[in-house]
């Protein structure tokens, strides 16, 4: 694919991800942070102007900047992400008897892996060390 075609694909994917992330703010079962990070990633490769605009948003920008600059997930964002994840996974795992056991086990494994990843990320940027 040409460079322009890839930029267009990233641009569309960025807007779709941003839309899903914004929906995640008001829908308790839809995670926000992963979609925001994906949107920032896509806009970084497609539109410097939109990427800059996204990073300057007072609510969304800090989450993205924390991750991009320090690989940090703030404690409040961690809790919201983990609670949303397990709220989303618990309904089919515990209340959908027709769902195959293997699928339920895979969902639990993925949820546990994502939770482990989130929990093991730093909550605050490291302080510069003085020698």
Protein backbone atom coordinates (compact mmCIF):
# COMPACT_ATOMS: atom_id res chain seq x y z
CA UNK A 1 0.00 0.00 0.00
CA UNK A 2 1.09 3.53 -0.61
CA UNK A 3 2.04 5.82 2.22
CA UNK A 4 -1.07 7.96 1.67
CA UNK A 5 -3.34 4.90 1.81
CA UNK A 6 -1.78 3.79 5.12
CA UNK A 7 -2.12 7.29 6.56
CA UNK A 8 -5.79 7.28 5.59
CA UNK A 9 -6.31 3.87 7.23
CA UNK A 10 -4.57 5.06 10.42
CA UNK A 11 -6.66 8.25 10.36
CA UNK A 12 -9.97 6.36 10.13
CA UNK A 13 -8.82 3.83 12.73
CA UNK A 14 -7.84 6.72 15.00
CA UNK A 15 -11.30 8.27 14.83
CA UNK A 16 -12.99 4.90 15.38
CA UNK A 17 -10.75 4.25 18.39
CA UNK A 18 -11.37 7.71 19.79
CA UNK A 19 -15.12 7.20 19.37
CA UNK A 20 -14.95 3.87 21.21
CA UNK A 21 -12.85 5.49 23.95
CA UNK A 22 -15.36 8.32 24.36
CA UNK A 23 -18.19 5.80 24.55
CA UNK A 24 -16.19 4.04 27.25
CA UNK A 25 -16.43 7.17 29.41
CA UNK A 26 -20.21 6.88 29.61
CA UNK A 27 -20.67 3.11 29.17
CA UNK A 28 -19.32 1.33 32.24
CA UNK A 29 -18.52 -1.91 30.43
CA UNK A 30 -16.44 -0.39 27.63
CA UNK A 31 -12.81 0.42 28.53
CA UNK A 32 -11.56 3.90 27.68
CA UNK A 33 -7.79 3.87 28.09
CA UNK A 34 -6.82 1.20 25.52
CA UNK A 35 -8.91 2.92 22.86
CA UNK A 36 -7.37 6.31 23.68
CA UNK A 37 -3.88 4.88 23.41
CA UNK A 38 -4.76 3.24 20.10
CA UNK A 39 -6.24 6.51 18.82
CA UNK A 40 -3.08 8.40 19.79
CA UNK A 41 -0.94 5.75 18.08
CA UNK A 42 -3.00 5.99 14.89
CA UNK A 43 -3.11 9.79 14.83
CA UNK A 44 0.64 9.96 15.45
CA UNK A 45 1.06 8.09 12.16
CA UNK A 46 -1.63 9.93 10.21
CA UNK A 47 -2.24 13.50 11.40
CA UNK A 48 0.12 15.56 13.50
CA UNK A 49 -2.59 18.19 13.98
CA UNK A 50 -5.20 15.75 15.36
CA UNK A 51 -2.55 13.98 17.46
CA UNK A 52 -1.53 17.30 19.03
CA UNK A 53 -5.19 18.20 19.61
CA UNK A 54 -5.82 14.87 21.35
CA UNK A 55 -2.80 15.27 23.62
CA UNK A 56 -3.95 18.78 24.59
CA UNK A 57 -7.40 17.66 25.76
CA UNK A 58 -7.67 18.32 29.51
CA UNK A 59 -9.34 15.01 30.36
CA UNK A 60 -7.90 12.61 27.81
CA UNK A 61 -4.46 14.10 27.22
CA UNK A 62 -2.92 13.30 30.63
CA UNK A 63 -3.76 9.58 30.34
CA UNK A 64 -2.07 9.38 26.94
CA UNK A 65 0.91 11.55 27.93
CA UNK A 66 1.50 9.53 31.13
CA UNK A 67 1.74 6.35 29.07
CA UNK A 68 3.77 7.80 26.19
CA UNK A 69 6.31 9.57 28.38
CA UNK A 70 6.64 7.27 31.39
CA UNK A 71 4.68 4.03 30.74
CA UNK A 72 2.64 5.04 33.79
CA UNK A 73 -1.01 4.27 34.53
CA UNK A 74 -2.33 6.43 37.36
CA UNK A 75 -4.04 4.58 40.26
CA UNK A 76 -7.54 5.92 39.47
CA UNK A 77 -7.22 4.86 35.82
CA UNK A 78 -5.95 1.44 36.92
CA UNK A 79 -8.94 0.86 39.20
CA UNK A 80 -11.46 2.01 36.64
CA UNK A 81 -9.84 -0.13 33.93
CA UNK A 82 -9.71 -3.27 36.06
CA UNK A 83 -13.23 -2.89 37.41
CA UNK A 84 -14.58 -2.26 33.91
CA UNK A 85 -12.70 -5.24 32.51
CA UNK A 86 -14.02 -7.66 35.11
CA UNK A 87 -17.54 -6.25 34.99
CA UNK A 88 -17.47 -6.89 31.26
CA UNK A 89 -16.06 -10.40 31.59
CA UNK A 90 -18.05 -11.58 34.59
CA UNK A 91 -21.47 -11.51 32.95
CA UNK A 92 -20.76 -14.03 30.17
CA UNK A 93 -18.44 -16.13 32.33
CA UNK A 94 -20.86 -16.53 35.24
CA UNK A 95 -24.31 -16.04 33.72
CA UNK A 96 -24.17 -17.48 30.20
CA UNK A 97 -24.49 -21.23 30.62
CA UNK A 98 -24.59 -21.80 26.85
CA UNK A 99 -21.09 -20.35 26.46
CA UNK A 100 -18.53 -23.15 26.06
CA UNK A 101 -16.25 -23.73 29.05
CA UNK A 102 -13.11 -23.34 26.93
CA UNK A 103 -14.25 -19.88 25.82
CA UNK A 104 -14.93 -18.93 29.44
CA UNK A 105 -11.46 -20.14 30.45
CA UNK A 106 -9.85 -18.14 27.62
CA UNK A 107 -11.79 -15.05 28.71
CA UNK A 108 -10.59 -15.51 32.30
CA UNK A 109 -7.00 -16.04 31.11
CA UNK A 110 -7.09 -12.89 28.95
CA UNK A 111 -8.70 -10.88 31.78
CA UNK A 112 -6.09 -12.10 34.24
CA UNK A 113 -3.26 -11.27 31.83
CA UNK A 114 -4.59 -7.76 31.17
CA UNK A 115 -5.12 -7.20 34.90
CA UNK A 116 -1.56 -8.37 35.60
CA UNK A 117 -0.22 -6.00 32.96
CA UNK A 118 -2.15 -3.03 34.38
CA UNK A 119 -1.24 -3.79 38.00
CA UNK A 120 2.46 -4.20 37.24
CA UNK A 121 2.77 -0.80 35.48
CA UNK A 122 4.10 2.04 37.58
CA UNK A 123 1.52 4.38 39.08
CA UNK A 124 3.75 7.45 39.18
CA UNK A 125 6.70 8.65 37.08
CA UNK A 126 10.04 7.82 38.62
CA UNK A 127 11.70 10.63 40.48
CA UNK A 128 15.13 11.62 39.13
CA UNK A 129 17.85 10.09 41.26
CA UNK A 130 20.53 12.27 42.78
CA UNK A 131 24.00 10.89 43.20
